[in-house]
Amino acid sequence: SGQGQVVDAAMVDGVAVLSTLLYGLRALGIWEDVPGTNML
């Protein structure tokens, strides 16, 4: 494009993205909110 831009890389944002799979499992009812009771 010939145009630059700002990349706003926040660690909170990035860690949230890393959790994408788990949020999908939670939506399916496979992942429970009680830590230490799930498959991973």
Full PDB file with SEQRES, HELIX, SHEET, SSBOND, CRYST1, ORIGX, SCALE, CONECT and MASTER records, all heavy atoms in Angstrom:
SEQRES   1 A   40  SER GLY GLN GLY GLN VAL VAL ASP ALA ALA MET VAL ASP          
SEQRES   2 A   40  GLY VAL ALA VAL LEU SER THR LEU LEU TYR GLY LEU ARG          
SEQRES   3 A   40  ALA LEU GLY ILE TRP GLU ASP VAL PRO GLY THR ASN MET          
SEQRES   4 A   40  LEU                                                          
HELIX    1 AA1 MET A   11  LEU A   18  1                                   8    
HELIX    2 AA2 THR A   20  ALA A   27  1                                   8    
CRYST1    1.000    1.000    1.000  90.00  90.00  90.00 P 1           1          
ORIGX1      1.000000  0.000000  0.000000        0.00000                         
ORIGX2      0.000000  1.000000  0.000000        0.00000                         
ORIGX3      0.000000  0.000000  1.000000        0.00000                         
SCALE1      1.000000  0.000000  0.000000        0.00000                         
SCALE2      0.000000  1.000000  0.000000        0.00000                         
SCALE3      0.000000  0.000000  1.000000        0.00000                         
ATOM      1  N   SER A   1       0.791  -1.229   0.000  1.00  0.00           N  
ATOM      2  CA  SER A   1       0.000   0.000   0.000  1.00  0.00           C  
ATOM      3  C   SER A   1       0.822   1.276   0.000  1.00  0.00           C  
ATOM      4  O   SER A   1       0.317   2.340  -0.355  1.00  0.00           O  
ATOM      5  CB  SER A   1      -0.912   0.014   1.237  1.00  0.00           C  
ATOM      6  OG  SER A   1      -0.130   0.164   2.420  1.00  0.00           O  
ATOM      7  N   GLY A   2       2.085   1.169   0.444  1.00  0.00           N  
ATOM      8  CA  GLY A   2       2.902   2.365   0.580  1.00  0.00           C  
ATOM      9  C   GLY A   2       2.611   3.143   1.847  1.00  0.00           C  
ATOM     10  O   GLY A   2       3.171   4.222   2.058  1.00  0.00           O  
ATOM     11  N   GLN A   3       1.769   2.602   2.714  1.00  0.00           N  
ATOM     12  CA  GLN A   3       1.385   3.304   3.931  1.00  0.00           C  
ATOM     13  C   GLN A   3       1.751   2.474   5.157  1.00  0.00           C  
ATOM     14  O   GLN A   3       1.446   1.287   5.232  1.00  0.00           O  
ATOM     15  CB  GLN A   3      -0.120   3.569   3.940  1.00  0.00           C  
ATOM     16  CG  GLN A   3      -0.588   4.456   2.808  1.00  0.00           C  
ATOM     17  CD  GLN A   3      -2.081   4.715   2.870  1.00  0.00           C  
ATOM     18  OE1 GLN A   3      -2.727   4.428   3.874  1.00  0.00           O  
ATOM     19  NE2 GLN A   3      -2.629   5.252   1.797  1.00  0.00           N  
ATOM     20  N   GLY A   4       2.382   3.130   6.118  1.00  0.00           N  
ATOM     21  CA  GLY A   4       2.697   2.471   7.370  1.00  0.00           C  
ATOM     22  C   GLY A   4       1.532   2.573   8.329  1.00  0.00           C  
ATOM     23  O   GLY A   4       0.471   3.100   8.002  1.00  0.00           O  
ATOM     24  N   GLN A   5       1.725   2.067   9.550  1.00  0.00           N  
ATOM     25  CA  GLN A   5       0.687   2.123  10.564  1.00  0.00           C  
ATOM     26  C   GLN A   5       1.290   1.781  11.913  1.00  0.00           C  
ATOM     27  O   GLN A   5       2.443   1.358  12.016  1.00  0.00           O  
ATOM     28  CB  GLN A   5      -0.464   1.184  10.237  1.00  0.00           C  
ATOM     29  CG  GLN A   5      -0.062  -0.280  10.109  1.00  0.00           C  
ATOM     30  CD  GLN A   5      -1.226  -1.152   9.676  1.00  0.00           C  
ATOM     31  OE1 GLN A   5      -2.286  -1.126  10.294  1.00  0.00           O  
ATOM     32  NE2 GLN A   5      -1.028  -1.930   8.615  1.00  0.00           N  
ATOM     33  N   VAL A   6       0.476   1.944  12.949  1.00  0.00           N  
ATOM     34  CA  VAL A   6       0.908   1.625  14.305  1.00  0.00           C  
ATOM     35  C   VAL A   6       0.474   0.210  14.656  1.00  0.00           C  
ATOM     36  O   VAL A   6      -0.677  -0.172  14.415  1.00  0.00           O  
ATOM     37  CB  VAL A   6       0.317   2.619  15.321  1.00  0.00           C  
ATOM     38  CG1 VAL A   6       0.677   2.212  16.748  1.00  0.00           C  
ATOM     39  CG2 VAL A   6       0.811   4.027  15.027  1.00  0.00           C  
ATOM     40  N   VAL A   7       1.375  -0.575  15.212  1.00  0.00           N  
ATOM     41  CA  VAL A   7       1.062  -1.902  15.731  1.00  0.00           C  
ATOM     42  C   VAL A   7       1.031  -1.796  17.249  1.00  0.00           C  
ATOM     43  O   VAL A   7       2.062  -1.579  17.884  1.00  0.00           O  
ATOM     44  CB  VAL A   7       2.106  -2.951  15.285  1.00  0.00           C  
ATOM     45  CG1 VAL A   7       1.779  -4.308  15.910  1.00  0.00           C  
ATOM     46  CG2 VAL A   7       2.154  -3.050  13.771  1.00  0.00           C  
ATOM     47  N   ASP A   8      -0.154  -1.900  17.830  1.00  0.00           N  
ATOM     48  CA  ASP A   8      -0.352  -1.807  19.277  1.00  0.00           C  
ATOM     49  C   ASP A   8      -0.334  -3.221  19.845  1.00  0.00           C  
ATOM     50  O   ASP A   8      -1.345  -3.905  19.875  1.00  0.00           O  
ATOM     51  CB  ASP A   8      -1.688  -1.108  19.546  1.00  0.00           C  
ATOM     52  CG  ASP A   8      -2.027  -0.992  21.032  1.00  0.00           C  
ATOM     53  OD1 ASP A   8      -1.209  -1.416  21.875  1.00  0.00           O  
ATOM     54  OD2 ASP A   8      -3.122  -0.482  21.348  1.00  0.00           O  
ATOM     55  N   ALA A   9       0.841  -3.669  20.279  1.00  0.00           N  
ATOM     56  CA  ALA A   9       0.991  -5.031  20.809  1.00  0.00           C  
ATOM     57  C   ALA A   9       0.971  -4.984  22.329  1.00  0.00           C  
ATOM     58  O   ALA A   9       1.944  -4.558  22.959  1.00  0.00           O  
ATOM     59  CB  ALA A   9       2.294  -5.652  20.311  1.00  0.00           C  
ATOM     60  N   ALA A  10      -0.138  -5.390  22.917  1.00  0.00           N  
ATOM     61  CA  ALA A  10      -0.280  -5.413  24.375  1.00  0.00           C  
ATOM     62  C   ALA A  10      -0.241  -6.855  24.855  1.00  0.00           C  
ATOM     63  O   ALA A  10      -0.869  -7.734  24.268  1.00  0.00           O  
ATOM     64  CB  ALA A  10      -1.600  -4.767  24.790  1.00  0.00           C  
ATOM     65  N   MET A  11       0.480  -7.084  25.921  1.00  0.00           N  
ATOM     66  CA  MET A  11       0.607  -8.450  26.419  1.00  0.00           C  
ATOM     67  C   MET A  11      -0.726  -9.020  26.887  1.00  0.00           C  
ATOM     68  O   MET A  11      -0.996 -10.204  26.706  1.00  0.00           O  
ATOM     69  CB  MET A  11       1.655  -8.504  27.527  1.00  0.00           C  
ATOM     70  CG  MET A  11       3.072  -8.460  27.001  1.00  0.00           C  
ATOM     71  SD  MET A  11       4.319  -8.373  28.306  1.00  0.00           S  
ATOM     72  CE  MET A  11       4.664  -6.624  28.315  1.00  0.00           C  
ATOM     73  N   VAL A  12      -1.586  -8.192  27.465  1.00  0.00           N  
ATOM     74  CA  VAL A  12      -2.909  -8.660  27.871  1.00  0.00           C  
ATOM     75  C   VAL A  12      -3.673  -9.167  26.650  1.00  0.00           C  
ATOM     76  O   VAL A  12      -4.299 -10.230  26.680  1.00  0.00           O  
ATOM     77  CB  VAL A  12      -3.694  -7.541  28.579  1.00  0.00           C  
ATOM     78  CG1 VAL A  12      -5.155  -7.932  28.735  1.00  0.00           C  
ATOM     79  CG2 VAL A  12      -3.098  -7.260  29.951  1.00  0.00           C  
ATOM     80  N   ASP A  13      -3.604  -8.414  25.549  1.00  0.00           N  
ATOM     81  CA  ASP A  13      -4.290  -8.824  24.320  1.00  0.00           C  
ATOM     82  C   ASP A  13      -3.726 -10.144  23.800  1.00  0.00           C  
ATOM     83  O   ASP A  13      -4.460 -11.058  23.422  1.00  0.00           O  
ATOM     84  CB  ASP A  13      -4.113  -7.760  23.230  1.00  0.00           C  
ATOM     85  CG  ASP A  13      -4.611  -6.386  23.635  1.00  0.00           C  
ATOM     86  OD1 ASP A  13      -5.102  -6.236  24.765  1.00  0.00           O  
ATOM     87  OD2 ASP A  13      -4.498  -5.459  22.814  1.00  0.00           O  
ATOM     88  N   GLY A  14      -2.390 -10.220  23.770  1.00  0.00           N  
ATOM     89  CA  GLY A  14      -1.746 -11.409  23.217  1.00  0.00           C  
ATOM     90  C   GLY A  14      -2.038 -12.657  24.014  1.00  0.00           C  
ATOM     91  O   GLY A  14      -2.273 -13.726  23.452  1.00  0.00           O  
ATOM     92  N   VAL A  15      -2.027 -12.534  25.343  1.00  0.00           N  
ATOM     93  CA  VAL A  15      -2.319 -13.695  26.184  1.00  0.00           C  
ATOM     94  C   VAL A  15      -3.766 -14.131  25.994  1.00  0.00           C  
ATOM     95  O   VAL A  15      -4.071 -15.335  25.969  1.00  0.00           O  
ATOM     96  CB  VAL A  15      -2.028 -13.385  27.666  1.00  0.00           C  
ATOM     97  CG1 VAL A  15      -2.468 -14.536  28.553  1.00  0.00           C  
ATOM     98  CG2 VAL A  15      -0.537 -13.122  27.863  1.00  0.00           C  
ATOM     99  N   ALA A  16      -4.664 -13.170  25.836  1.00  0.00           N  
ATOM    100  CA  ALA A  16      -6.064 -13.521  25.583  1.00  0.00           C  
ATOM    101  C   ALA A  16      -6.185 -14.338  24.299  1.00  0.00           C  
ATOM    102  O   ALA A  16      -6.903 -15.342  24.247  1.00  0.00           O  
ATOM    103  CB  ALA A  16      -6.915 -12.259  25.496  1.00  0.00           C  
ATOM    104  N   VAL A  17      -5.457 -13.940  23.262  1.00  0.00           N  
ATOM    105  CA  VAL A  17      -5.491 -14.676  21.997  1.00  0.00           C  
ATOM    106  C   VAL A  17      -4.948 -16.091  22.181  1.00  0.00           C  
ATOM    107  O   VAL A  17      -5.473 -17.055  21.605  1.00  0.00           O  
ATOM    108  CB  VAL A  17      -4.695 -13.928  20.908  1.00  0.00           C  
ATOM    109  CG1 VAL A  17      -4.527 -14.785  19.666  1.00  0.00           C  
ATOM    110  CG2 VAL A  17      -5.404 -12.628  20.544  1.00  0.00           C  
ATOM    111  N   LEU A  18      -3.914 -16.236  22.990  1.00  0.00           N  
ATOM    112  CA  LEU A  18      -3.358 -17.565  23.247  1.00  0.00           C  
ATOM    113  C   LEU A  18      -4.374 -18.491  23.913  1.00  0.00           C  
ATOM    114  O   LEU A  18      -4.239 -19.715  23.850  1.00  0.00           O  
ATOM    115  CB  LEU A  18      -2.109 -17.454  24.133  1.00  0.00           C  
ATOM    116  CG  LEU A  18      -0.896 -16.738  23.538  1.00  0.00           C  
ATOM    117  CD1 LEU A  18       0.226 -16.660  24.570  1.00  0.00           C  
ATOM    118  CD2 LEU A  18      -0.404 -17.421  22.277  1.00  0.00           C  
ATOM    119  N   SER A  19      -5.382 -17.901  24.540  1.00  0.00           N  
ATOM    120  CA  SER A  19      -6.400 -18.692  25.244  1.00  0.00           C  
ATOM    121  C   SER A  19      -7.587 -19.060  24.362  1.00  0.00           C  
ATOM    122  O   SER A  19      -8.580 -19.600  24.859  1.00  0.00           O  
ATOM    123  CB  SER A  19      -6.915 -17.900  26.461  1.00  0.00           C  
ATOM    124  OG  SER A  19      -5.860 -17.484  27.291  1.00  0.00           O  
ATOM    125  N   THR A  20      -7.517 -18.783  23.063  1.00  0.00           N  
ATOM    126  CA  THR A  20      -8.659 -18.959  22.167  1.00  0.00           C  
ATOM    127  C   THR A  20      -9.245 -20.371  22.224  1.00  0.00           C  
ATOM    128  O   THR A  20     -10.461 -20.558  22.315  1.00  0.00           O  
ATOM    129  CB  THR A  20      -8.265 -18.611  20.727  1.00  0.00           C  
ATOM    130  OG1 THR A  20      -7.803 -17.251  20.685  1.00  0.00           O  
ATOM    131  CG2 THR A  20      -9.448 -18.755  19.785  1.00  0.00           C  
ATOM    132  N   LEU A  21      -8.391 -21.384  22.150  1.00  0.00           N  
ATOM    133  CA  LEU A  21      -8.878 -22.765  22.176  1.00  0.00           C  
ATOM    134  C   LEU A  21      -9.687 -23.040  23.429  1.00  0.00           C  
ATOM    135  O   LEU A  21     -10.764 -23.648  23.376  1.00  0.00           O  
ATOM    136  CB  LEU A  21      -7.711 -23.745  22.087  1.00  0.00           C  
ATOM    137  CG  LEU A  21      -8.060 -25.220  22.364  1.00  0.00           C  
ATOM    138  CD1 LEU A  21      -8.966 -25.771  21.272  1.00  0.00           C  
ATOM    139  CD2 LEU A  21      -6.805 -26.060  22.513  1.00  0.00           C  
ATOM    140  N   LEU A  22      -9.202 -22.593  24.565  1.00  0.00           N  
ATOM    141  CA  LEU A  22      -9.867 -22.885  25.824  1.00  0.00           C  
ATOM    142  C   LEU A  22     -11.234 -22.217  25.909  1.00  0.00           C  
ATOM    143  O   LEU A  22     -12.178 -22.779  26.472  1.00  0.00           O  
ATOM    144  CB  LEU A  22      -8.984 -22.447  26.995  1.00  0.00           C  
ATOM    145  CG  LEU A  22      -7.588 -23.078  27.033  1.00  0.00           C  
ATOM    146  CD1 LEU A  22      -6.819 -22.611  28.257  1.00  0.00           C  
ATOM    147  CD2 LEU A  22      -7.671 -24.596  27.002  1.00  0.00           C  
ATOM    148  N   TYR A  23     -11.349 -21.019  25.345  1.00  0.00           N  
ATOM    149  CA  TYR A  23     -12.655 -20.363  25.336  1.00  0.00           C  
ATOM    150  C   TYR A  23     -13.639 -21.127  24.453  1.00  0.00           C  
ATOM    151  O   TYR A  23     -14.839 -21.179  24.744  1.00  0.00           O  
ATOM    152  CB  TYR A  23     -12.516 -18.911  24.882  1.00  0.00           C  
ATOM    153  CG  TYR A  23     -12.130 -17.991  26.019  1.00  0.00           C  
ATOM    154  CD1 TYR A  23     -10.789 -17.755  26.315  1.00  0.00           C  
ATOM    155  CD2 TYR A  23     -13.091 -17.394  26.811  1.00  0.00           C  
ATOM    156  CE1 TYR A  23     -10.419 -16.927  27.372  1.00  0.00           C  
ATOM    157  CE2 TYR A  23     -12.738 -16.572  27.879  1.00  0.00           C  
ATOM    158  CZ  TYR A  23     -11.405 -16.341  28.152  1.00  0.00           C  
ATOM    159  OH  TYR A  23     -11.053 -15.545  29.206  1.00  0.00           O  
ATOM    160  N   GLY A  24     -13.131 -21.716  23.384  1.00  0.00           N  
ATOM    161  CA  GLY A  24     -13.991 -22.552  22.550  1.00  0.00           C  
ATOM    162  C   GLY A  24     -14.459 -23.786  23.283  1.00  0.00           C  
ATOM    163  O   GLY A  24     -15.636 -24.166  23.219  1.00  0.00           O  
ATOM    164  N   LEU A  25     -13.536 -24.416  24.012  1.00  0.00           N  
ATOM    165  CA  LEU A  25     -13.910 -25.597  24.796  1.00  0.00           C  
ATOM    166  C   LEU A  25     -14.912 -25.246  25.890  1.00  0.00           C  
ATOM    167  O   LEU A  25     -15.841 -25.999  26.185  1.00  0.00           O  
ATOM    168  CB  LEU A  25     -12.658 -26.227  25.424  1.00  0.00           C  
ATOM    169  CG  LEU A  25     -11.622 -26.810  24.452  1.00  0.00           C  
ATOM    170  CD1 LEU A  25     -10.405 -27.302  25.219  1.00  0.00           C  
ATOM    171  CD2 LEU A  25     -12.225 -27.930  23.613  1.00  0.00           C  
ATOM    172  N   ARG A  26     -14.735 -24.075  26.471  1.00  0.00           N  
ATOM    173  CA  ARG A  26     -15.671 -23.632  27.510  1.00  0.00           C  
ATOM    174  C   ARG A  26     -17.058 -23.420  26.931  1.00  0.00           C  
ATOM    175  O   ARG A  26     -18.070 -23.774  27.545  1.00  0.00           O  
ATOM    176  CB  ARG A  26     -15.149 -22.343  28.155  1.00  0.00           C  
ATOM    177  CG  ARG A  26     -15.961 -21.851  29.332  1.00  0.00           C  
ATOM    178  CD  ARG A  26     -15.295 -20.636  29.967  1.00  0.00           C  
ATOM    179  NE  ARG A  26     -16.034 -20.197  31.143  1.00  0.00           N  
ATOM    180  CZ  ARG A  26     -17.057 -19.347  31.095  1.00  0.00           C  
ATOM    181  NH1 ARG A  26     -17.449 -18.849  29.931  1.00  0.00           N  
ATOM    182  NH2 ARG A  26     -17.675 -18.987  32.204  1.00  0.00           N  
ATOM    183  N   ALA A  27     -17.114 -22.843  25.739  1.00  0.00           N  
ATOM    184  CA  ALA A  27     -18.404 -22.610  25.091  1.00  0.00           C  
ATOM    185  C   ALA A  27     -19.113 -23.923  24.764  1.00  0.00           C  
ATOM    186  O   ALA A  27     -20.348 -23.989  24.757  1.00  0.00           O  
ATOM    187  CB  ALA A  27     -18.212 -21.785  23.821  1.00  0.00           C  
ATOM    188  N   LEU A  28     -18.340 -24.956  24.523  1.00  0.00           N  
ATOM    189  CA  LEU A  28     -18.912 -26.277  24.226  1.00  0.00           C  
ATOM    190  C   LEU A  28     -19.297 -27.045  25.475  1.00  0.00           C  
ATOM    191  O   LEU A  28     -19.874 -28.130  25.398  1.00  0.00           O  
ATOM    192  CB  LEU A  28     -17.910 -27.103  23.413  1.00  0.00           C  
ATOM    193  CG  LEU A  28     -17.645 -26.655  21.968  1.00  0.00           C  
ATOM    194  CD1 LEU A  28     -16.476 -27.433  21.385  1.00  0.00           C  
ATOM    195  CD2 LEU A  28     -18.896 -26.839  21.115  1.00  0.00           C  
ATOM    196  N   GLY A  29     -18.943 -26.501  26.632  1.00  0.00           N  
ATOM    197  CA  GLY A  29     -19.239 -27.183  27.881  1.00  0.00           C  
ATOM    198  C   GLY A  29     -18.219 -28.234  28.249  1.00  0.00           C  
ATOM    199  O   GLY A  29     -18.413 -29.010  29.195  1.00  0.00           O  
ATOM    200  N   ILE A  30     -17.106 -28.275  27.518  1.00  0.00           N  
ATOM    201  CA  ILE A  30     -16.056 -29.267  27.773  1.00  0.00           C  
ATOM    202  C   ILE A  30     -15.090 -28.786  28.850  1.00  0.00           C  
ATOM    203  O   ILE A  30     -14.467 -29.581  29.544  1.00  0.00           O  
ATOM    204  CB  ILE A  30     -15.300 -29.572  26.463  1.00  0.00           C  
ATOM    205  CG1 ILE A  30     -16.273 -30.166  25.433  1.00  0.00           C  
ATOM    206  CG2 ILE A  30     -14.129 -30.515  26.693  1.00  0.00           C  
ATOM    207  CD1 ILE A  30     -15.648 -30.356  24.063  1.00  0.00           C  
ATOM    208  N   TRP A  31     -14.974 -27.459  28.988  1.00  0.00           N  
ATOM    209  CA  TRP A  31     -14.042 -26.878  29.952  1.00  0.00           C  
ATOM    210  C   TRP A  31     -14.819 -26.267  31.104  1.00  0.00           C  
ATOM    211  O   TRP A  31     -15.683 -25.417  30.894  1.00  0.00           O  
ATOM    212  CB  TRP A  31     -13.181 -25.814  29.281  1.00  0.00           C  
ATOM    213  CG  TRP A  31     -12.023 -25.366  30.128  1.00  0.00           C  
ATOM    214  CD1 TRP A  31     -12.020 -24.383  31.070  1.00  0.00           C  
ATOM    215  CD2 TRP A  31     -10.693 -25.900  30.112  1.00  0.00           C  
ATOM    216  NE1 TRP A  31     -10.782 -24.258  31.641  1.00  0.00           N  
ATOM    217  CE2 TRP A  31      -9.945 -25.182  31.071  1.00  0.00           C  
ATOM    218  CE3 TRP A  31     -10.070 -26.905  29.379  1.00  0.00           C  
ATOM    219  CZ2 TRP A  31      -8.598 -25.441  31.308  1.00  0.00           C  
ATOM    220  CZ3 TRP A  31      -8.724 -27.156  29.626  1.00  0.00           C  
ATOM    221  CH2 TRP A  31      -8.004 -26.437  30.578  1.00  0.00           C  
ATOM    222  N   GLU A  32     -14.529 -26.698  32.317  1.00  0.00           N  
ATOM    223  CA  GLU A  32     -15.223 -26.195  33.494  1.00  0.00           C  
ATOM    224  C   GLU A  32     -14.426 -25.071  34.142  1.00  0.00           C  
ATOM    225  O   GLU A  32     -13.201 -24.997  34.007  1.00  0.00           O  
ATOM    226  CB  GLU A  32     -15.455 -27.330  34.498  1.00  0.00           C  
ATOM    227  CG  GLU A  32     -16.336 -28.449  33.952  1.00  0.00           C  
ATOM    228  CD  GLU A  32     -16.578 -29.547  34.973  1.00  0.00           C  
ATOM    229  OE1 GLU A  32     -16.062 -29.419  36.105  1.00  0.00           O  
ATOM    230  OE2 GLU A  32     -17.279 -30.521  34.626  1.00  0.00           O  
ATOM    231  N   ASP A  33     -15.124 -24.197  34.870  1.00  0.00           N  
ATOM    232  CA  ASP A  33     -14.478 -23.034  35.470  1.00  0.00           C  
ATOM    233  C   ASP A  33     -13.705 -23.360  36.744  1.00  0.00           C  
ATOM    234  O   ASP A  33     -13.016 -22.500  37.280  1.00  0.00           O  
ATOM    235  CB  ASP A  33     -15.525 -21.958  35.771  1.00  0.00           C  
ATOM    236  CG  ASP A  33     -16.046 -21.296  34.506  1.00  0.00           C  
ATOM    237  OD1 ASP A  33     -15.313 -21.300  33.500  1.00  0.00           O  
ATOM    238  OD2 ASP A  33     -17.181 -20.778  34.520  1.00  0.00           O  
ATOM    239  N   VAL A  34     -13.817 -24.588  37.234  1.00  0.00           N  
ATOM    240  CA  VAL A  34     -13.072 -24.986  38.435  1.00  0.00           C  
ATOM    241  C   VAL A  34     -11.674 -25.445  38.014  1.00  0.00           C  
ATOM    242  O   VAL A  34     -11.521 -26.473  37.348  1.00  0.00           O  
ATOM    243  CB  VAL A  34     -13.789 -26.125  39.186  1.00  0.00           C  
ATOM    244  CG1 VAL A  34     -12.984 -26.531  40.426  1.00  0.00           C  
ATOM    245  CG2 VAL A  34     -15.193 -25.684  39.579  1.00  0.00           C  
ATOM    246  N   PRO A  35     -10.621 -24.692  38.339  1.00  0.00           N  
ATOM    247  CA  PRO A  35      -9.268 -25.072  37.935  1.00  0.00           C  
ATOM    248  C   PRO A  35      -8.865 -26.435  38.482  1.00  0.00           C  
ATOM    249  O   PRO A  35      -9.277 -26.840  39.570  1.00  0.00           O  
ATOM    250  CB  PRO A  35      -8.389 -23.962  38.529  1.00  0.00           C  
ATOM    251  CG  PRO A  35      -9.317 -22.808  38.733  1.00  0.00           C  
ATOM    252  CD  PRO A  35     -10.629 -23.417  39.082  1.00  0.00           C  
ATOM    253  N   GLY A  36      -8.067 -27.152  37.702  1.00  0.00           N  
ATOM    254  CA  GLY A  36      -7.571 -28.444  38.144  1.00  0.00           C  
ATOM    255  C   GLY A  36      -8.540 -29.584  37.955  1.00  0.00           C  
ATOM    256  O   GLY A  36      -8.326 -30.674  38.489  1.00  0.00           O  
ATOM    257  N   THR A  37      -9.610 -29.350  37.182  1.00  0.00           N  
ATOM    258  CA  THR A  37     -10.585 -30.415  36.939  1.00  0.00           C  
ATOM    259  C   THR A  37     -10.731 -30.729  35.459  1.00  0.00           C  
ATOM    260  O   THR A  37     -11.559 -31.572  35.093  1.00  0.00           O  
ATOM    261  CB  THR A  37     -11.973 -30.014  37.491  1.00  0.00           C  
ATOM    262  OG1 THR A  37     -12.456 -28.864  36.775  1.00  0.00           O  
ATOM    263  CG2 THR A  37     -11.899 -29.698  38.976  1.00  0.00           C  
ATOM    264  N   ASN A  38      -9.939 -30.082  34.620  1.00  0.00           N  
ATOM    265  CA  ASN A  38     -10.080 -30.230  33.173  1.00  0.00           C  
ATOM    266  C   ASN A  38      -8.946 -31.045  32.575  1.00  0.00           C  
ATOM    267  O   ASN A  38      -7.964 -31.369  33.235  1.00  0.00           O  
ATOM    268  CB  ASN A  38     -10.147 -28.850  32.525  1.00  0.00           C  
ATOM    269  CG  ASN A  38     -11.340 -28.054  33.011  1.00  0.00           C  
ATOM    270  OD1 ASN A  38     -12.477 -28.331  32.667  1.00  0.00           O  
ATOM    271  ND2 ASN A  38     -11.077 -27.050  33.848  1.00  0.00           N  
ATOM    272  N   MET A  39      -9.066 -31.315  31.277  1.00  0.00           N  
ATOM    273  CA  MET A  39      -8.121 -32.238  30.663  1.00  0.00           C  
ATOM    274  C   MET A  39      -6.728 -31.661  30.468  1.00  0.00           C  
ATOM    275  O   MET A  39      -5.767 -32.417  30.314  1.00  0.00           O  
ATOM    276  CB  MET A  39      -8.668 -32.715  29.312  1.00  0.00           C  
ATOM    277  CG  MET A  39      -8.916 -31.614  28.300  1.00  0.00           C  
ATOM    278  SD  MET A  39      -9.621 -32.305  26.791  1.00  0.00           S  
ATOM    279  CE  MET A  39      -9.903 -30.824  25.824  1.00  0.00           C  
ATOM    280  N   LEU A  40      -6.575 -30.322  30.494  1.00  0.00           N  
ATOM    281  CA  LEU A  40      -5.261 -29.747  30.253  1.00  0.00           C  
ATOM    282  C   LEU A  40      -4.710 -28.971  31.444  1.00  0.00           C  
ATOM    283  O   LEU A  40      -3.669 -28.324  31.324  1.00  0.00           O  
ATOM    284  CB  LEU A  40      -5.317 -28.811  29.027  1.00  0.00           C  
ATOM    285  CG  LEU A  40      -5.765 -29.428  27.705  1.00  0.00           C  
ATOM    286  CD1 LEU A  40      -5.836 -28.359  26.617  1.00  0.00           C  
ATOM    287  CD2 LEU A  40      -4.822 -30.552  27.278  1.00  0.00           C  
TER     288      LEU A  40                                                      
MASTER        0    0    0    2    0    0    0    6  287    1    0    4          
END                                                                             
